[in-house]
C-alpha atoms as a PDB file:
ATOM      1  CA  MET A   1      11.316   4.868  76.155  1.00  0.00           C
ATOM      2  CA  GLN A   2       9.690   7.612  74.497  1.00  0.00           C
ATOM      3  CA  GLU A   3      10.819  11.329  75.224  1.00  0.00           C
ATOM      4  CA  ILE A   4       8.460  13.286  77.326  1.00  0.00           C
ATOM      5  CA  LYS A   5       7.985  16.657  76.342  1.00  0.00           C
ATOM      6  CA  ARG A   6       7.712  19.226  78.851  1.00  0.00           C
ATOM      7  CA  SER A   7       3.917  19.882  78.109  1.00  0.00           C
ATOM      8  CA  ASP A   8       2.828  16.495  78.758  1.00  0.00           C
ATOM      9  CA  LYS A   9       0.918  15.640  81.900  1.00  0.00           C
ATOM     10  CA  VAL A  10       3.857  12.891  83.354  1.00  0.00           C
ATOM     11  CA  CYS A  11       2.671  10.521  86.913  1.00  0.00           C
ATOM     12  CA  PRO A  12       4.677   8.314  87.997  1.00  0.00           C
ATOM     13  CA  ARG A  13       2.185   5.355  87.841  1.00  0.00           C
ATOM     14  CA  ASP A  14       2.408   5.681  83.664  1.00  0.00           C
ATOM     15  CA  PHE A  15       6.484   4.815  84.231  1.00  0.00           C
ATOM     16  CA  PHE A  16       7.175   2.231  87.065  1.00  0.00           C
ATOM     17  CA  SER A  17       7.513  -1.327  86.194  1.00  0.00           C
ATOM     18  CA  VAL A  18       7.683  -4.043  88.060  1.00  0.00           C
ATOM     19  CA  SER A  19      10.411  -6.176  89.698  1.00  0.00           C
ATOM     20  CA  ASP A  20      10.861  -9.692  87.809  1.00  0.00           C
ATOM     21  CA  GLN A  21      10.996 -11.040  90.956  1.00  0.00           C
ATOM     22  CA  VAL A  22       7.605 -10.525  92.128  1.00  0.00           C
ATOM     23  CA  SER A  23       5.012 -12.933  90.112  1.00  0.00           C
ATOM     24  CA  TYR A  24       1.567 -11.002  89.329  1.00  0.00           C
ATOM     25  CA  LEU A  25      -1.279 -11.326  87.254  1.00  0.00           C
ATOM     26  CA  GLU A  26      -2.058  -9.004  84.620  1.00  0.00           C
ATOM     27  CA  PRO A  27      -4.961  -7.130  83.866  1.00  0.00           C
ATOM     28  CA  SER A  28      -6.219 -10.096  81.454  1.00  0.00           C
ATOM     29  CA  GLN A  29      -5.404 -12.525  82.987  1.00  0.00           C
ATOM     30  CA  MET A  30      -6.535 -11.470  86.451  1.00  0.00           C
ATOM     31  CA  CYS A  31     -10.384 -11.144  84.129  1.00  0.00           C
ATOM     32  CA  ALA A  32      -9.488 -14.880  82.622  1.00  0.00           C
ATOM     33  CA  PHE A  33      -8.511 -16.301  86.331  1.00  0.00           C
ATOM     34  CA  GLU A  34     -11.901 -14.551  88.000  1.00  0.00           C
ATOM     35  CA  GLU A  35     -13.999 -16.130  84.910  1.00  0.00           C
ATOM     36  CA  SER A  36     -12.547 -19.436  85.124  1.00  0.00           C
ATOM     37  CA  PHE A  37     -13.219 -19.488  88.915  1.00  0.00           C
ATOM     38  CA  ARG A  38     -16.914 -18.066  88.517  1.00  0.00           C
ATOM     39  CA  ALA A  39     -17.430 -20.429  85.777  1.00  0.00           C
ATOM     40  CA  TRP A  40     -16.985 -23.638  88.126  1.00  0.00           C
ATOM     41  CA  LYS A  41     -18.834 -21.633  90.744  1.00  0.00           C
ATOM     42  CA  ASP A  42     -21.788 -21.307  88.881  1.00  0.00           C
ATOM     43  CA  SER A  43     -21.493 -24.849  87.294  1.00  0.00           C
ATOM     44  CA  ALA A  44     -21.952 -26.682  90.724  1.00  0.00           C
ATOM     45  CA  ARG A  45     -25.799 -28.548  90.945  1.00  0.00           C
ATOM     46  CA  ARG A  46     -26.203 -30.206  94.150  1.00  0.00           C
ATOM     47  CA  MET A  47     -27.113 -27.578  97.401  1.00  0.00           C
ATOM     48  CA  ASP A  48     -24.106 -29.141  99.057  1.00  0.00           C
ATOM     49  CA  SER A  49     -21.742 -28.542  95.852  1.00  0.00           C
ATOM     50  CA  ILE A  50     -23.163 -24.805  95.262  1.00  0.00           C
ATOM     51  CA  ARG A  51     -22.678 -24.235  99.294  1.00  0.00           C
ATOM     52  CA  ALA A  52     -18.906 -25.112  99.016  1.00  0.00           C
ATOM     53  CA  ARG A  53     -17.877 -23.707  96.101  1.00  0.00           C
ATOM     54  CA  THR A  54     -19.405 -20.256  96.725  1.00  0.00           C
ATOM     55  CA  ARG A  55     -17.443 -20.784 100.126  1.00  0.00           C
ATOM     56  CA  LEU A  56     -14.749 -20.809  97.976  1.00  0.00           C
ATOM     57  CA  TRP A  57     -15.256 -17.935  95.713  1.00  0.00           C
ATOM     58  CA  LEU A  58     -15.757 -15.849  98.168  1.00  0.00           C
ATOM     59  CA  LEU A  59     -12.282 -16.423 100.268  1.00  0.00           C
ATOM     60  CA  PHE A  60     -10.805 -16.295  96.587  1.00  0.00           C
ATOM     61  CA  LEU A  61     -12.524 -12.706  96.318  1.00  0.00           C
ATOM     62  CA  LEU A  62     -11.460 -11.556  99.722  1.00  0.00           C
ATOM     63  CA  VAL A  63      -8.014 -12.595  99.539  1.00  0.00           C
ATOM     64  CA  ARG A  64      -8.153 -10.760  95.226  1.00  0.00           C
ATOM     65  CA  HIS A  65      -9.933  -7.778  96.585  1.00  0.00           C
ATOM     66  CA  THR A  66      -7.862  -6.883  99.850  1.00  0.00           C
ATOM     67  CA  GLY A  67      -4.448  -8.386  99.288  1.00  0.00           C
ATOM     68  CA  ALA A  68      -3.612  -9.697 102.326  1.00  0.00           C
ATOM     69  CA  ARG A  69      -1.737 -12.803 103.088  1.00  0.00           C
ATOM     70  CA  LEU A  70      -3.891 -16.252 103.020  1.00  0.00           C
ATOM     71  CA  GLY A  71      -3.305 -17.081 106.423  1.00  0.00           C
ATOM     72  CA  GLU A  72      -4.959 -13.868 107.814  1.00  0.00           C
ATOM     73  CA  ILE A  73      -8.374 -14.424 105.904  1.00  0.00           C
ATOM     74  CA  LEU A  74      -8.519 -18.123 106.782  1.00  0.00           C
ATOM     75  CA  SER A  75      -8.788 -16.926 110.830  1.00  0.00           C
ATOM     76  CA  LEU A  76     -11.155 -14.128 110.104  1.00  0.00           C
ATOM     77  CA  ASP A  77     -14.563 -14.167 112.007  1.00  0.00           C
ATOM     78  CA  ASP A  78     -16.850 -13.309 109.732  1.00  0.00           C
ATOM     79  CA  THR A  79     -19.095 -12.092 112.156  1.00  0.00           C
ATOM     80  CA  GLU A  80     -16.764  -9.385 113.474  1.00  0.00           C
ATOM     81  CA  ALA A  81     -14.805  -8.559 110.857  1.00  0.00           C
ATOM     82  CA  PHE A  82     -17.055  -6.549 108.951  1.00  0.00           C
ATOM     83  CA  ASP A  83     -18.679  -3.616 108.760  1.00  0.00           C
ATOM     84  CA  ALA A  84     -22.072  -3.285 109.041  1.00  0.00           C
ATOM     85  CA  ASN A  85     -22.020   0.246 107.592  1.00  0.00           C
ATOM     86  CA  GLY A  86     -20.444  -0.240 104.463  1.00  0.00           C
ATOM     87  CA  PRO A  87     -17.861  -2.358 102.630  1.00  0.00           C
ATOM     88  CA  PHE A  88     -15.020  -2.551 105.240  1.00  0.00           C
ATOM     89  CA  VAL A  89     -13.342  -5.702 106.758  1.00  0.00           C
ATOM     90  CA  ARG A  90     -10.841  -5.080 109.658  1.00  0.00           C
ATOM     91  CA  LEU A  91      -7.546  -7.176 109.130  1.00  0.00           C
ATOM     92  CA  GLY A  92      -4.272  -6.825 111.028  1.00  0.00           C
ATOM     93  CA  ARG A  93      -3.495  -7.668 114.763  1.00  0.00           C
ATOM     94  CA  GLU A  94      -5.564  -5.793 117.980  1.00  0.00           C
ATOM     95  CA  ASP A  95      -2.721  -3.852 118.201  1.00  0.00           C
ATOM     96  CA  ARG A  96      -2.402  -2.930 114.300  1.00  0.00           C
ATOM     97  CA  PRO A  97      -5.629  -3.166 113.025  1.00  0.00           C
ATOM     98  CA  ARG A  98      -6.018  -1.852 109.114  1.00  0.00           C
ATOM     99  CA  GLU A  99      -9.394  -1.420 107.803  1.00  0.00           C
ATOM    100  CA  VAL A 100      -9.514  -2.219 104.022  1.00  0.00           C
ATOM    101  CA  PRO A 101     -12.649  -1.048 101.279  1.00  0.00           C
ATOM    102  CA  LEU A 102     -14.204  -3.814 100.053  1.00  0.00           C
ATOM    103  CA  PRO A 103     -15.829  -3.279  96.369  1.00  0.00           C
ATOM    104  CA  GLU A 104     -20.089  -3.049  96.606  1.00  0.00           C
ATOM    105  CA  GLU A 105     -20.700  -5.802  94.437  1.00  0.00           C
ATOM    106  CA  PHE A 106     -19.019  -7.948  96.446  1.00  0.00           C
ATOM    107  CA  TYR A 107     -19.934  -6.897  99.533  1.00  0.00           C
ATOM    108  CA  ALA A 108     -23.541  -7.119  98.336  1.00  0.00           C
ATOM    109  CA  GLU A 109     -22.950 -11.198  97.465  1.00  0.00           C
ATOM    110  CA  LEU A 110     -20.831 -12.338 100.542  1.00  0.00           C
ATOM    111  CA  THR A 111     -23.822 -10.334 102.613  1.00  0.00           C
ATOM    112  CA  ALA A 112     -26.079 -12.263 101.058  1.00  0.00           C
ATOM    113  CA  PHE A 113     -24.905 -15.721 101.662  1.00  0.00           C
ATOM    114  CA  GLN A 114     -24.294 -14.948 104.783  1.00  0.00           C
ATOM    115  CA  GLU A 115     -27.997 -14.490 105.877  1.00  0.00           C
ATOM    116  CA  SER A 116     -29.038 -17.106 103.649  1.00  0.00           C
ATOM    117  CA  PRO A 117     -29.638 -20.793 104.760  1.00  0.00           C
ATOM    118  CA  MET A 118     -26.355 -21.702 103.647  1.00  0.00           C
ATOM    119  CA  GLY A 119     -24.276 -19.797 105.164  1.00  0.00           C
ATOM    120  CA  TYR A 120     -25.844 -19.561 108.414  1.00  0.00           C
ATOM    121  CA  GLY A 121     -25.049 -22.464 109.747  1.00  0.00           C
ATOM    122  CA  LEU A 122     -21.209 -21.251 108.762  1.00  0.00           C
ATOM    123  CA  ARG A 123     -21.687 -17.807 110.242  1.00  0.00           C
ATOM    124  CA  GLY A 124     -18.061 -17.251 112.449  1.00  0.00           C
ATOM    125  CA  GLU A 125     -15.910 -20.385 110.427  1.00  0.00           C
ATOM    126  CA  LEU A 126     -17.006 -18.990 106.761  1.00  0.00           C
ATOM    127  CA  PHE A 127     -13.639 -18.668 105.812  1.00  0.00           C
ATOM    128  CA  ARG A 128     -11.985 -21.935 107.717  1.00  0.00           C
ATOM    129  CA  VAL A 129     -11.124 -23.874 104.969  1.00  0.00           C
ATOM    130  CA  ASP A 130      -8.334 -25.989 104.370  1.00  0.00           C
ATOM    131  CA  PRO A 131      -5.401 -23.765 103.220  1.00  0.00           C
ATOM    132  CA  GLY A 132      -4.256 -27.065 100.464  1.00  0.00           C
ATOM    133  CA  TYR A 133      -7.279 -27.322  99.498  1.00  0.00           C
ATOM    134  CA  PHE A 134      -8.189 -23.842  98.257  1.00  0.00           C
ATOM    135  CA  ARG A 135      -4.288 -23.526  96.859  1.00  0.00           C
ATOM    136  CA  ARG A 136      -5.175 -26.548  94.802  1.00  0.00           C
ATOM    137  CA  ILE A 137      -8.596 -25.570  93.463  1.00  0.00           C
ATOM    138  CA  CYS A 138      -6.919 -21.821  92.605  1.00  0.00           C
ATOM    139  CA  TYR A 139      -4.316 -24.433  90.820  1.00  0.00           C
ATOM    140  CA  GLU A 140      -7.026 -25.910  88.816  1.00  0.00           C
ATOM    141  CA  ARG A 141      -9.064 -23.060  88.188  1.00  0.00           C
ATOM    142  CA  GLY A 142      -5.333 -21.930  86.595  1.00  0.00           C
ATOM    143  CA  GLU A 143      -4.470 -24.530  84.194  1.00  0.00           C
ATOM    144  CA  GLU A 144      -8.290 -23.790  82.708  1.00  0.00           C
ATOM    145  CA  CYS A 145      -7.069 -20.884  81.418  1.00  0.00           C
ATOM    146  CA  GLY A 146      -3.673 -21.454  81.005  1.00  0.00           C
ATOM    147  CA  LEU A 147      -1.682 -19.768  83.877  1.00  0.00           C
ATOM    148  CA  ALA A 148       0.784 -21.194  85.886  1.00  0.00           C
ATOM    149  CA  LYS A 149       0.788 -21.803  89.544  1.00  0.00           C
ATOM    150  CA  ASP A 150       3.236 -18.968  90.588  1.00  0.00           C
ATOM    151  CA  LEU A 151       0.929 -16.301  88.911  1.00  0.00           C
ATOM    152  CA  VAL A 152      -2.226 -18.004  90.806  1.00  0.00           C
ATOM    153  CA  CYS A 153      -1.586 -19.089  94.071  1.00  0.00           C
ATOM    154  CA  PRO A 154      -2.306 -16.739  96.913  1.00  0.00           C
ATOM    155  CA  LYS A 155       0.844 -14.776  97.397  1.00  0.00           C
ATOM    156  CA  SER A 156       0.613 -13.873  93.715  1.00  0.00           C
ATOM    157  CA  LEU A 157      -3.162 -12.538  94.105  1.00  0.00           C
ATOM    158  CA  ARG A 158      -1.530 -10.094  97.130  1.00  0.00           C
ATOM    159  CA  ASN A 159       0.985  -9.132  94.969  1.00  0.00           C
ATOM    160  CA  THR A 160      -1.338  -8.169  91.604  1.00  0.00           C
ATOM    161  CA  ARG A 161      -3.877  -6.742  94.360  1.00  0.00           C
ATOM    162  CA  ALA A 162      -0.948  -3.948  95.077  1.00  0.00           C
ATOM    163  CA  VAL A 163       0.439  -3.460  91.588  1.00  0.00           C
ATOM    164  CA  GLU A 164      -3.494  -2.630  90.609  1.00  0.00           C
ATOM    165  CA  MET A 165      -3.198  -0.008  93.577  1.00  0.00           C
ATOM    166  CA  LEU A 166      -0.379   1.598  92.537  1.00  0.00           C
ATOM    167  CA  ARG A 167      -0.550   1.967  89.199  1.00  0.00           C
ATOM    168  CA  SER A 168      -4.507   3.362  89.981  1.00  0.00           C
ATOM    169  CA  GLY A 169      -1.845   5.935  91.515  1.00  0.00           C
ATOM    170  CA  VAL A 170      -2.337   4.846  95.177  1.00  0.00           C
ATOM    171  CA  PRO A 171       0.837   6.520  96.677  1.00  0.00           C
ATOM    172  CA  ILE A 172       3.423   3.234  97.769  1.00  0.00           C
ATOM    173  CA  THR A 173       2.483   3.949 101.715  1.00  0.00           C
ATOM    174  CA  ILE A 174      -0.718   3.474 101.660  1.00  0.00           C
ATOM    175  CA  VAL A 175      -0.368   0.255  99.648  1.00  0.00           C
ATOM    176  CA  LYS A 176       2.381  -0.964 102.161  1.00  0.00           C
ATOM    177  CA  GLU A 177      -0.888  -0.027 104.945  1.00  0.00           C
ATOM    178  CA  VAL A 178      -3.046  -2.278 103.263  1.00  0.00           C
ATOM    179  CA  LEU A 179      -1.176  -4.686 102.841  1.00  0.00           C
ATOM    180  CA  GLY A 180      -0.123  -5.242 106.223  1.00  0.00           C
ATOM    181  CA  GLN A 181       3.463  -4.963 105.179  1.00  0.00           C
ATOM    182  CA  SER A 182       6.002  -4.203 108.163  1.00  0.00           C
ATOM    183  CA  SER A 183       8.896  -2.103 105.507  1.00  0.00           C
ATOM    184  CA  LEU A 184       8.343  -0.248 102.904  1.00  0.00           C
ATOM    185  CA  ASP A 185      11.060  -1.631 101.451  1.00  0.00           C
ATOM    186  CA  LEU A 186       9.169  -4.928 100.736  1.00  0.00           C
ATOM    187  CA  THR A 187       6.521  -2.995  98.733  1.00  0.00           C
ATOM    188  CA  ALA A 188       8.912  -1.014  96.720  1.00  0.00           C
ATOM    189  CA  ASN A 189       9.814  -4.404  94.759  1.00  0.00           C
ATOM    190  CA  PHE A 190       6.961  -3.555  92.974  1.00  0.00           C
ATOM    191  CA  GLN A 191       7.363  -0.569  91.902  1.00  0.00           C
ATOM    192  CA  GLN A 192      10.515   0.428  90.090  1.00  0.00           C
ATOM    193  CA  PHE A 193      11.766   3.135  87.799  1.00  0.00           C
ATOM    194  CA  SER A 194      14.209   3.922  85.126  1.00  0.00           C
ATOM    195  CA  PRO A 195      16.590   6.821  85.774  1.00  0.00           C
ATOM    196  CA  GLY A 196      14.773   8.154  82.296  1.00  0.00           C
ATOM    197  CA  ASP A 197      11.523   7.536  84.803  1.00  0.00           C
ATOM    198  CA  VAL A 198      12.807   9.143  87.178  1.00  0.00           C
ATOM    199  CA  GLN A 199      14.163  12.326  85.425  1.00  0.00           C
ATOM    200  CA  SER A 200      10.776  13.054  84.206  1.00  0.00           C
ATOM    201  CA  ILE A 201       8.532  12.456  86.566  1.00  0.00           C
ATOM    202  CA  VAL A 202      11.116  14.793  88.929  1.00  0.00           C
ATOM    203  CA  ARG A 203      11.250  17.779  86.316  1.00  0.00           C
ATOM    204  CA  THR A 204       7.339  17.216  86.142  1.00  0.00           C
ATOM    205  CA  ALA A 205       7.015  17.623  89.953  1.00  0.00           C
ATOM    206  CA  HIS A 206       9.149  20.796  89.843  1.00  0.00           C
ATOM    207  CA  GLU A 207       7.441  22.283  87.357  1.00  0.00           C
ATOM    208  CA  ALA A 208       3.957  21.736  89.153  1.00  0.00           C
ATOM    209  CA  MET A 209       5.621  22.831  92.443  1.00  0.00           C
ATOM    210  CA  ARG A 210       7.046  25.936  91.124  1.00  0.00           C
ATOM    211  CA  LYS A 211       3.346  27.071  89.980  1.00  0.00           C
ATOM    212  CA  ARG A 212       1.637  26.474  93.813  1.00  0.00           C
ATOM    213  CA  THR A 213       4.421  28.667  95.509  1.00  0.00           C
ATOM    214  CA  SER A 214       5.258  32.778  94.998  1.00  0.00           C
ATOM    215  CA  ALA A 215       8.750  32.184  95.184  1.00  0.00           C
ATOM    216  CA  ARG A 216      10.294  32.947  92.248  1.00  0.00           C
ATOM    217  CA  ASN A 217      13.355  31.535  92.425  1.00  0.00           C
ATOM    218  CA  SER A 218      13.163  27.418  92.068  1.00  0.00           C
ATOM    219  CA  PHE A 219      16.282  24.896  91.891  1.00  0.00           C
ATOM    220  CA  LEU A 220      15.894  21.253  91.256  1.00  0.00           C
ATOM    221  CA  GLY A 221      18.737  18.627  92.468  1.00  0.00           C
ATOM    222  CA  HIS A 222      19.711  15.811  94.346  1.00  0.00           C
ATOM    223  CA  VAL A 223      21.180  15.887  98.029  1.00  0.00           C
ATOM    224  CA  ILE A 224      24.702  15.234  98.354  1.00  0.00           C
ATOM    225  CA  ARG A 225      25.314  15.983 101.561  1.00  0.00           C
ATOM    226  CA  VAL A 226      23.128  16.204 105.563  1.00  0.00           C
ATOM    227  CA  ASP A 227      25.380  17.522 108.261  1.00  0.00           C
ATOM    228  CA  THR A 228      23.182  17.305 111.589  1.00  0.00           C
ATOM    229  CA  ASP A 229      23.474  18.255 115.294  1.00  0.00           C
ATOM    230  CA  PRO A 230      20.990  17.804 118.271  1.00  0.00           C
ATOM    231  CA  VAL A 231      18.675  20.627 116.491  1.00  0.00           C
ATOM    232  CA  MET A 232      19.398  21.916 112.955  1.00  0.00           C
ATOM    233  CA  ALA A 233      19.950  19.999 109.920  1.00  0.00           C
ATOM    234  CA  GLN A 234      22.641  21.604 106.908  1.00  0.00           C
ATOM    235  CA  VAL A 235      21.376  19.808 103.787  1.00  0.00           C
ATOM    236  CA  VAL A 236      23.200  20.244 100.446  1.00  0.00           C
ATOM    237  CA  LEU A 237      21.641  19.823  96.966  1.00  0.00           C
ATOM    238  CA  GLU A 238      23.483  19.805  93.581  1.00  0.00           C
ATOM    239  CA  THR A 239      21.598  20.755  90.158  1.00  0.00           C
ATOM    240  CA  ARG A 240      22.247  18.722  87.294  1.00  0.00           C
ATOM    241  CA  SER A 241      24.091  21.883  85.436  1.00  0.00           C
ATOM    242  CA  ASN A 242      26.414  21.358  89.399  1.00  0.00           C
ATOM    243  CA  ILE A 243      25.020  24.369  91.254  1.00  0.00           C
ATOM    244  CA  LYS A 244      25.461  23.912  94.987  1.00  0.00           C
ATOM    245  CA  ILE A 245      22.247  25.343  96.717  1.00  0.00           C
ATOM    246  CA  SER A 246      22.814  24.774 100.880  1.00  0.00           C
ATOM    247  CA  SER A 247      20.278  24.593 102.947  1.00  0.00           C
ATOM    248  CA  VAL A 248      19.257  25.097 107.034  1.00  0.00           C
ATOM    249  CA  ILE A 249      16.418  23.318 108.515  1.00  0.00           C
ATOM    250  CA  THR A 250      14.995  22.145 111.889  1.00  0.00           C
ATOM    251  CA  MET A 251      15.457  18.354 112.238  1.00  0.00           C
ATOM    252  CA  ASP A 252      12.460  17.695 112.863  1.00  0.00           C
ATOM    253  CA  SER A 253      11.706  18.736 109.065  1.00  0.00           C
ATOM    254  CA  LEU A 254      14.641  16.298 108.098  1.00  0.00           C
ATOM    255  CA  ARG A 255      12.570  13.856 109.796  1.00  0.00           C
ATOM    256  CA  ASN A 256       9.008  14.642 108.114  1.00  0.00           C
ATOM    257  CA  LEU A 257      10.659  14.795 105.172  1.00  0.00           C
ATOM    258  CA  LYS A 258      12.821  11.842 104.998  1.00  0.00           C
ATOM    259  CA  ILE A 259      15.561  13.852 103.525  1.00  0.00           C
ATOM    260  CA  GLN A 260      18.650  11.560 103.167  1.00  0.00           C
ATOM    261  CA  VAL A 261      21.506  11.949 100.548  1.00  0.00           C
ATOM    262  CA  GLY A 262      20.326  11.380  97.313  1.00  0.00           C
ATOM    263  CA  SER A 263      16.755  12.440  97.748  1.00  0.00           C
ATOM    264  CA  PRO A 264      15.317  14.579  94.881  1.00  0.00           C
ATOM    265  CA  VAL A 265      14.600  18.199  96.021  1.00  0.00           C
ATOM    266  CA  VAL A 266      13.824  21.359  94.911  1.00  0.00           C
ATOM    267  CA  ALA A 267      14.745  24.365  97.213  1.00  0.00           C
ATOM    268  CA  THR A 268      13.189  27.586  96.729  1.00  0.00           C
ATOM    269  CA  VAL A 269      13.977  31.407  98.354  1.00  0.00           C
ATOM    270  CA  LYS A 270      11.520  34.336  98.016  1.00  0.00           C
ATOM    271  CA  ALA A 271      13.073  37.125  95.742  1.00  0.00           C
ATOM    272  CA  PRO A 272      13.251  39.653  99.112  1.00  0.00           C
ATOM    273  CA  LEU A 273      15.150  37.093 100.567  1.00  0.00           C
ATOM    274  CA  VAL A 274      17.856  37.320  97.539  1.00  0.00           C
ATOM    275  CA  ASN A 275      20.700  39.623  97.650  1.00  0.00           C
ATOM    276  CA  VAL A 276      22.606  40.789  94.793  1.00  0.00           C
ATOM    277  CA  LEU A 277      26.259  42.642  94.169  1.00  0.00           C
ATOM    278  CA  ARG A 278      28.486  43.412  91.249  1.00  0.00           C
ATOM    279  CA  ARG A 279      31.153  40.794  90.841  1.00  0.00           C
ATOM    280  CA  VAL A 280      34.367  41.641  92.500  1.00  0.00           C
ATOM    281  CA  GLU A 281      37.308  39.709  93.938  1.00  0.00           C
ATOM    282  CA  HIS A 282      37.577  38.885  97.849  1.00  0.00           C
ATOM    283  CA  VAL A 283      33.669  40.093  98.660  1.00  0.00           C
ATOM    284  CA  SER A 284      33.009  38.679 102.445  1.00  0.00           C
ATOM    285  CA  GLY A 285      29.885  37.389 103.652  1.00  0.00           C
ATOM    286  CA  SER A 286      27.784  35.576 106.105  1.00  0.00           C
ATOM    287  CA  ALA A 287      25.452  34.074 103.114  1.00  0.00           C
ATOM    288  CA  ARG A 288      26.325  30.379 101.763  1.00  0.00           C
ATOM    289  CA  ASN A 289      24.790  30.196  98.596  1.00  0.00           C
ATOM    290  CA  ARG A 290      26.505  32.463  95.771  1.00  0.00           C
ATOM    291  CA  LEU A 291      25.492  31.834  92.502  1.00  0.00           C
ATOM    292  CA  GLU A 292      27.399  34.374  89.570  1.00  0.00           C
ATOM    293  CA  ALA A 293      24.958  35.419  86.795  1.00  0.00           C
ATOM    294  CA  GLU A 294      24.138  38.171  84.295  1.00  0.00           C
ATOM    295  CA  ILE A 295      22.045  40.657  84.529  1.00  0.00           C
ATOM    296  CA  LEU A 296      18.830  40.264  82.190  1.00  0.00           C
ATOM    297  CA  ARG A 297      16.790  43.185  83.315  1.00  0.00           C
ATOM    298  CA  VAL A 298      16.046  45.976  85.987  1.00  0.00           C
ATOM    299  CA  THR A 299      12.647  47.008  86.856  1.00  0.00           C
ATOM    300  CA  GLU A 300      11.997  49.417  88.972  1.00  0.00           C
ATOM    301  CA  THR A 301       9.551  51.303  91.079  1.00  0.00           C
ATOM    302  CA  PRO A 302       9.446  54.262  93.621  1.00  0.00           C
ATOM    303  CA  VAL A 303      10.318  52.024  96.446  1.00  0.00           C
ATOM    304  CA  LEU A 304      11.258  48.592  95.342  1.00  0.00           C
ATOM    305  CA  ALA A 305      13.201  47.049  92.133  1.00  0.00           C
ATOM    306  CA  GLU A 306      13.130  43.819  90.559  1.00  0.00           C
ATOM    307  CA  VAL A 307      16.645  43.100  89.593  1.00  0.00           C
ATOM    308  CA  LEU A 308      16.366  39.264  87.215  1.00  0.00           C
ATOM    309  CA  GLY A 309      19.847  37.714  86.275  1.00  0.00           C
ATOM    310  CA  ARG A 310      20.556  34.698  84.644  1.00  0.00           C
ATOM    311  CA  LEU A 311      22.869  31.511  85.875  1.00  0.00           C
ATOM    312  CA  PRO A 312      25.204  30.050  83.189  1.00  0.00           C
ATOM    313  CA  ASP A 313      23.370  27.194  82.869  1.00  0.00           C
ATOM    314  CA  GLY A 314      20.144  29.050  81.928  1.00  0.00           C
ATOM    315  CA  THR A 315      18.277  29.369  84.949  1.00  0.00           C
ATOM    316  CA  ASP A 316      16.973  32.370  86.076  1.00  0.00           C
ATOM    317  CA  VAL A 317      17.453  33.833  89.250  1.00  0.00           C
ATOM    318  CA  CYS A 318      15.263  36.960  91.024  1.00  0.00           C
ATOM    319  CA  ALA A 319      16.114  39.972  93.801  1.00  0.00           C
ATOM    320  CA  LEU A 320      13.708  42.444  95.265  1.00  0.00           C
ATOM    321  CA  ILE A 321      15.668  45.403  96.710  1.00  0.00           C
ATOM    322  CA  SER A 322      15.174  48.653  97.309  1.00  0.00           C
ATOM    323  CA  ALA A 323      15.033  51.388  94.834  1.00  0.00           C
ATOM    324  CA  GLN A 324      17.878  53.085  96.586  1.00  0.00           C
ATOM    325  CA  SER A 325      20.539  50.065  96.491  1.00  0.00           C
ATOM    326  CA  ALA A 326      19.388  49.384  92.610  1.00  0.00           C
ATOM    327  CA  GLN A 327      20.300  53.029  91.984  1.00  0.00           C
ATOM    328  CA  ASP A 328      23.591  52.685  94.018  1.00  0.00           C
ATOM    329  CA  LEU A 329      24.743  49.581  91.793  1.00  0.00           C
ATOM    330  CA  ALA A 330      23.380  51.052  88.296  1.00  0.00           C
ATOM    331  CA  LEU A 331      23.051  48.049  86.713  1.00  0.00           C
ATOM    332  CA  LYS A 332      22.062  46.999  83.315  1.00  0.00           C
ATOM    333  CA  PRO A 333      21.992  44.220  81.287  1.00  0.00           C
ATOM    334  CA  GLY A 334      24.599  41.763  80.985  1.00  0.00           C
ATOM    335  CA  ASP A 335      26.457  43.045  83.902  1.00  0.00           C
ATOM    336  CA  PRO A 336      28.212  40.344  86.042  1.00  0.00           C
ATOM    337  CA  VAL A 337      27.084  40.212  89.339  1.00  0.00           C
ATOM    338  CA  GLU A 338      26.307  37.485  92.461  1.00  0.00           C
ATOM    339  CA  PHE A 339      23.177  36.938  94.150  1.00  0.00           C
ATOM    340  CA  TRP A 340      23.461  35.935  97.410  1.00  0.00           C
ATOM    341  CA  PHE A 341      21.006  34.557 100.088  1.00  0.00           C
ATOM    342  CA  LYS A 342      21.563  32.158 103.263  1.00  0.00           C
ATOM    343  CA  ALA A 343      21.015  28.637 103.926  1.00  0.00           C
ATOM    344  CA  MET A 344      17.928  29.715 106.494  1.00  0.00           C
ATOM    345  CA  SER A 345      16.545  31.454 103.446  1.00  0.00           C
ATOM    346  CA  VAL A 346      16.518  28.281 101.819  1.00  0.00           C
ATOM    347  CA  VAL A 347      13.076  26.041 101.548  1.00  0.00           C
ATOM    348  CA  LEU A 348      13.025  22.377 100.635  1.00  0.00           C
ATOM    349  CA  ASN A 349      10.739  20.365  99.264  1.00  0.00           C
ATOM    350  CA  THR A 350      11.082  17.062  98.297  1.00  0.00           C
ATOM    351  CA  VAL A 351       9.458  14.997  95.075  1.00  0.00           C
ATOM    352  CA  GLN A 352       7.391  11.844  95.612  1.00  0.00           C
ATOM    353  CA  LEU A 353       7.790   8.893  93.647  1.00  0.00           C
END
């Protein structure tokens, strides 16, 4: 894969691949399939044929644009399922309904047919057709444009809609809701990343996060351990250069962030919460995070001093201490020091892929 420069804009939708186990149509294939279906519909001459083919055409478009299961569509009551005020269709069970947007053009075509003499007699049962017959019509239209049966079946149309949404930048959790899937694991089959893809995405998200926060200290890594009690959780992450950072957060935060071992995270610490000490042996203290570094510079004011150091892996760390503390330390560039901060001072942010 082509190397991504740090300055390039990176988006997950530009990288993911689809599992080989998922059958779906690429845009050119979907276009050809739609045109074949449309031409078949438009070639009808008798009124009964026009009515039957238009009915199947609308059924095809509804499956294609909602990604719903064929059974869901076939059971719809078209007098109640569509929103009179906008292009939406209500799908799902009564205890878990979902509203799916529809293209304006399709919604207008559907409404026009429903209100026409041909559609009026079908109100309430517009989509109640034999599933086997609908599948056969799909197979015939697919054969006309050189597509295999497994690419033009209702399941493939459902998969195609999922891939379209992911490629347009819709979060995978939203795709799950639109499709009406009970498990995110099923949707994840549509979106897979190579290790190189993940690294590029996470690094870019890290840079973007640094620009949005006032915290001067930022560490990118993956979670290697999570220890919990009924109220709090200790999360340990490890950076690419094997630096370990400990953070203590509430159990609510752990659940809301969906943090687990292996999760990519960014840990940030504000400079006023970081202390700096000369590197000596047997120094005791309660801070769980102790990072060895060398001083780059010390910028002093009458009240405060900014101490900037560099870790062995090239990461910069900043502490904001009192001017008196800086005078007592008498730090100068090149001095070996330790930057200390407590686990409670570390804020965690997850990186969404």
